[in-house]
Amino acid sequence: MISITDEGAKAIREKTALNPDAVGLRLKIKTTGCSGNSYQMEHVLAEDLKMDDRFEKDGAVLYVPKMSSWMLAGMEVGFEETKMKSGFIFNNPNEAGRCGCGESFTVNQNLT
């Protein structure tokens, strides 16, 4: 349902290692911005798992809240590092559009 690139897996492993109590990262949808939604990554602790779907690649573990999974079906999570910026890249086929700054997105209304 959600795929992770090699670069994305490496970044998830590295970010997870920053918190010794974390078992992975969670990709959440946060209501914000001019387009309505944004992606947010956070550390996941073992007791937080029952409401999430789990995705794994090469030891990198990504959790997604079940209530948001429908918006992320078919998504690819990657990571990009350039001279000017670095961060996770979200290639979501369900996006209908993004705001001008690229920080928030809308979901294709046919999915709801």
C-alpha atoms as a PDB file:
ATOM      1  CA  MET A   1       0.000   0.000   0.000  1.00  0.00           C
ATOM      2  CA  ILE A   2       2.864   2.441   0.830  1.00  0.00           C
ATOM      3  CA  SER A   3       6.330   1.940  -0.617  1.00  0.00           C
ATOM      4  CA  ILE A   4       9.631   3.283   0.685  1.00  0.00           C
ATOM      5  CA  THR A   5      12.607   4.150  -1.520  1.00  0.00           C
ATOM      6  CA  ASP A   6      16.138   3.080  -0.571  1.00  0.00           C
ATOM      7  CA  GLU A   7      16.935   6.693   0.418  1.00  0.00           C
ATOM      8  CA  GLY A   8      13.702   6.888   2.414  1.00  0.00           C
ATOM      9  CA  ALA A   9      14.524   3.666   4.269  1.00  0.00           C
ATOM     10  CA  LYS A  10      17.992   4.949   5.167  1.00  0.00           C
ATOM     11  CA  ALA A  11      16.556   8.223   6.488  1.00  0.00           C
ATOM     12  CA  ILE A  12      13.847   6.424   8.507  1.00  0.00           C
ATOM     13  CA  ARG A  13      16.489   4.196  10.118  1.00  0.00           C
ATOM     14  CA  GLU A  14      18.713   7.208  10.899  1.00  0.00           C
ATOM     15  CA  LYS A  15      15.840   9.311  12.332  1.00  0.00           C
ATOM     16  CA  THR A  16      14.550   6.370  14.386  1.00  0.00           C
ATOM     17  CA  ALA A  17      18.030   5.877  15.897  1.00  0.00           C
ATOM     18  CA  LEU A  18      17.934   9.446  17.264  1.00  0.00           C
ATOM     19  CA  ASN A  19      15.396   8.326  19.899  1.00  0.00           C
ATOM     20  CA  PRO A  20      16.482   5.183  21.800  1.00  0.00           C
ATOM     21  CA  ASP A  21      12.867   4.458  22.796  1.00  0.00           C
ATOM     22  CA  ALA A  22      11.514   4.639  19.227  1.00  0.00           C
ATOM     23  CA  VAL A  23      10.541   1.578  17.202  1.00  0.00           C
ATOM     24  CA  GLY A  24      10.057   3.523  13.957  1.00  0.00           C
ATOM     25  CA  LEU A  25       8.559   6.682  12.520  1.00  0.00           C
ATOM     26  CA  ARG A  26       4.897   7.565  12.054  1.00  0.00           C
ATOM     27  CA  LEU A  27       3.640   9.438   9.005  1.00  0.00           C
ATOM     28  CA  LYS A  28       0.642  11.506  10.042  1.00  0.00           C
ATOM     29  CA  ILE A  29      -1.693  13.792   8.157  1.00  0.00           C
ATOM     30  CA  LYS A  30      -2.095  17.082   9.992  1.00  0.00           C
ATOM     31  CA  THR A  31      -4.897  19.535   9.187  1.00  0.00           C
ATOM     32  CA  THR A  32      -3.108  22.785   8.409  1.00  0.00           C
ATOM     33  CA  GLY A  33      -2.045  25.185   5.691  1.00  0.00           C
ATOM     34  CA  CYS A  34      -3.947  26.846   2.905  1.00  0.00           C
ATOM     35  CA  SER A  35      -4.663  23.558   1.093  1.00  0.00           C
ATOM     36  CA  GLY A  36      -5.875  21.740   4.210  1.00  0.00           C
ATOM     37  CA  ASN A  37      -3.423  18.897   4.951  1.00  0.00           C
ATOM     38  CA  SER A  38       0.280  18.395   5.542  1.00  0.00           C
ATOM     39  CA  TYR A  39       2.562  15.440   6.184  1.00  0.00           C
ATOM     40  CA  GLN A  40       4.189  15.085   9.590  1.00  0.00           C
ATOM     41  CA  MET A  41       6.775  12.531  10.725  1.00  0.00           C
ATOM     42  CA  GLU A  42       7.255  11.632  14.396  1.00  0.00           C
ATOM     43  CA  HIS A  43       8.942   8.967  16.488  1.00  0.00           C
ATOM     44  CA  VAL A  44       6.818   5.979  17.482  1.00  0.00           C
ATOM     45  CA  LEU A  45       6.998   4.304  20.874  1.00  0.00           C
ATOM     46  CA  ALA A  46       6.024   0.648  21.315  1.00  0.00           C
ATOM     47  CA  GLU A  47       2.816   1.392  23.213  1.00  0.00           C
ATOM     48  CA  ASP A  48       1.452   3.539  20.372  1.00  0.00           C
ATOM     49  CA  LEU A  49       1.009   0.797  17.752  1.00  0.00           C
ATOM     50  CA  LYS A  50      -2.552  -0.557  17.840  1.00  0.00           C
ATOM     51  CA  MET A  51      -4.131   2.182  15.682  1.00  0.00           C
ATOM     52  CA  ASP A  52      -1.472   2.082  12.944  1.00  0.00           C
ATOM     53  CA  ASP A  53      -0.676   0.145   9.784  1.00  0.00           C
ATOM     54  CA  ARG A  54       2.979  -0.948   9.586  1.00  0.00           C
ATOM     55  CA  PHE A  55       5.264  -0.784   6.540  1.00  0.00           C
ATOM     56  CA  GLU A  56       8.881  -1.940   6.477  1.00  0.00           C
ATOM     57  CA  LYS A  57      11.836  -1.910   4.114  1.00  0.00           C
ATOM     58  CA  ASP A  58      15.380  -3.023   4.940  1.00  0.00           C
ATOM     59  CA  GLY A  59      14.868  -2.562   8.685  1.00  0.00           C
ATOM     60  CA  ALA A  60      13.186   0.841   8.337  1.00  0.00           C
ATOM     61  CA  VAL A  61       9.755   0.816   9.979  1.00  0.00           C
ATOM     62  CA  LEU A  62       7.047   3.307   9.042  1.00  0.00           C
ATOM     63  CA  TYR A  63       3.673   3.479  10.770  1.00  0.00           C
ATOM     64  CA  VAL A  64       0.580   5.180   9.354  1.00  0.00           C
ATOM     65  CA  PRO A  65      -2.579   5.826  11.388  1.00  0.00           C
ATOM     66  CA  LYS A  66      -5.336   3.570  10.023  1.00  0.00           C
ATOM     67  CA  MET A  67      -7.723   6.536   9.831  1.00  0.00           C
ATOM     68  CA  SER A  68      -5.362   8.249   7.323  1.00  0.00           C
ATOM     69  CA  SER A  69      -4.428   5.196   5.242  1.00  0.00           C
ATOM     70  CA  TRP A  70      -7.076   5.831   2.573  1.00  0.00           C
ATOM     71  CA  MET A  71      -5.459   9.203   1.737  1.00  0.00           C
ATOM     72  CA  LEU A  72      -2.019   7.600   1.368  1.00  0.00           C
ATOM     73  CA  ALA A  73      -2.797   4.465  -0.657  1.00  0.00           C
ATOM     74  CA  GLY A  74      -0.156   3.997  -3.346  1.00  0.00           C
ATOM     75  CA  MET A  75       2.195   6.598  -1.850  1.00  0.00           C
ATOM     76  CA  GLU A  76       5.977   6.402  -2.140  1.00  0.00           C
ATOM     77  CA  VAL A  77       8.066   7.822   0.718  1.00  0.00           C
ATOM     78  CA  GLY A  78      11.564   8.943  -0.188  1.00  0.00           C
ATOM     79  CA  PHE A  79      14.257  11.285   1.072  1.00  0.00           C
ATOM     80  CA  GLU A  80      16.168  13.982  -0.760  1.00  0.00           C
ATOM     81  CA  GLU A  81      19.316  15.800   0.285  1.00  0.00           C
ATOM     82  CA  THR A  82      20.665  18.695  -1.775  1.00  0.00           C
ATOM     83  CA  LYS A  83      22.984  21.607  -1.053  1.00  0.00           C
ATOM     84  CA  MET A  84      19.988  23.773  -0.185  1.00  0.00           C
ATOM     85  CA  LYS A  85      17.655  21.422   1.704  1.00  0.00           C
ATOM     86  CA  SER A  86      16.978  17.926   2.909  1.00  0.00           C
ATOM     87  CA  GLY A  87      13.827  16.113   3.890  1.00  0.00           C
ATOM     88  CA  PHE A  88      11.314  13.405   3.234  1.00  0.00           C
ATOM     89  CA  ILE A  89       9.627  13.374  -0.173  1.00  0.00           C
ATOM     90  CA  PHE A  90       6.015  12.225  -0.409  1.00  0.00           C
ATOM     91  CA  ASN A  91       4.836  11.069  -3.830  1.00  0.00           C
ATOM     92  CA  ASN A  92       1.115  10.644  -3.221  1.00  0.00           C
ATOM     93  CA  PRO A  93      -1.090   9.762  -6.216  1.00  0.00           C
ATOM     94  CA  ASN A  94      -4.168  10.855  -4.233  1.00  0.00           C
ATOM     95  CA  GLU A  95      -3.136  14.509  -4.072  1.00  0.00           C
ATOM     96  CA  ALA A  96      -5.400  16.780  -6.079  1.00  0.00           C
ATOM     97  CA  GLY A  97      -3.205  19.838  -5.566  1.00  0.00           C
ATOM     98  CA  ARG A  98      -0.685  21.654  -3.396  1.00  0.00           C
ATOM     99  CA  CYS A  99      -0.497  25.177  -2.094  1.00  0.00           C
ATOM    100  CA  GLY A 100       1.936  27.614  -3.676  1.00  0.00           C
ATOM    101  CA  CYS A 101       4.683  27.011  -1.115  1.00  0.00           C
ATOM    102  CA  GLY A 102       4.272  23.218  -1.331  1.00  0.00           C
ATOM    103  CA  GLU A 103       3.741  22.705   2.395  1.00  0.00           C
ATOM    104  CA  SER A 104       0.119  21.548   2.281  1.00  0.00           C
ATOM    105  CA  PHE A 105      -2.059  19.509  -0.060  1.00  0.00           C
ATOM    106  CA  THR A 106      -5.628  18.561  -0.886  1.00  0.00           C
ATOM    107  CA  VAL A 107      -6.880  15.032  -1.506  1.00  0.00           C
ATOM    108  CA  ASN A 108      -8.763  13.936  -4.606  1.00  0.00           C
ATOM    109  CA  GLN A 109     -12.425  14.257  -3.606  1.00  0.00           C
ATOM    110  CA  ASN A 110     -13.288  11.037  -5.468  1.00  0.00           C
ATOM    111  CA  LEU A 111     -11.575   9.135  -2.635  1.00  0.00           C
ATOM    112  CA  THR A 112     -13.852  10.395   0.127  1.00  0.00           C
END
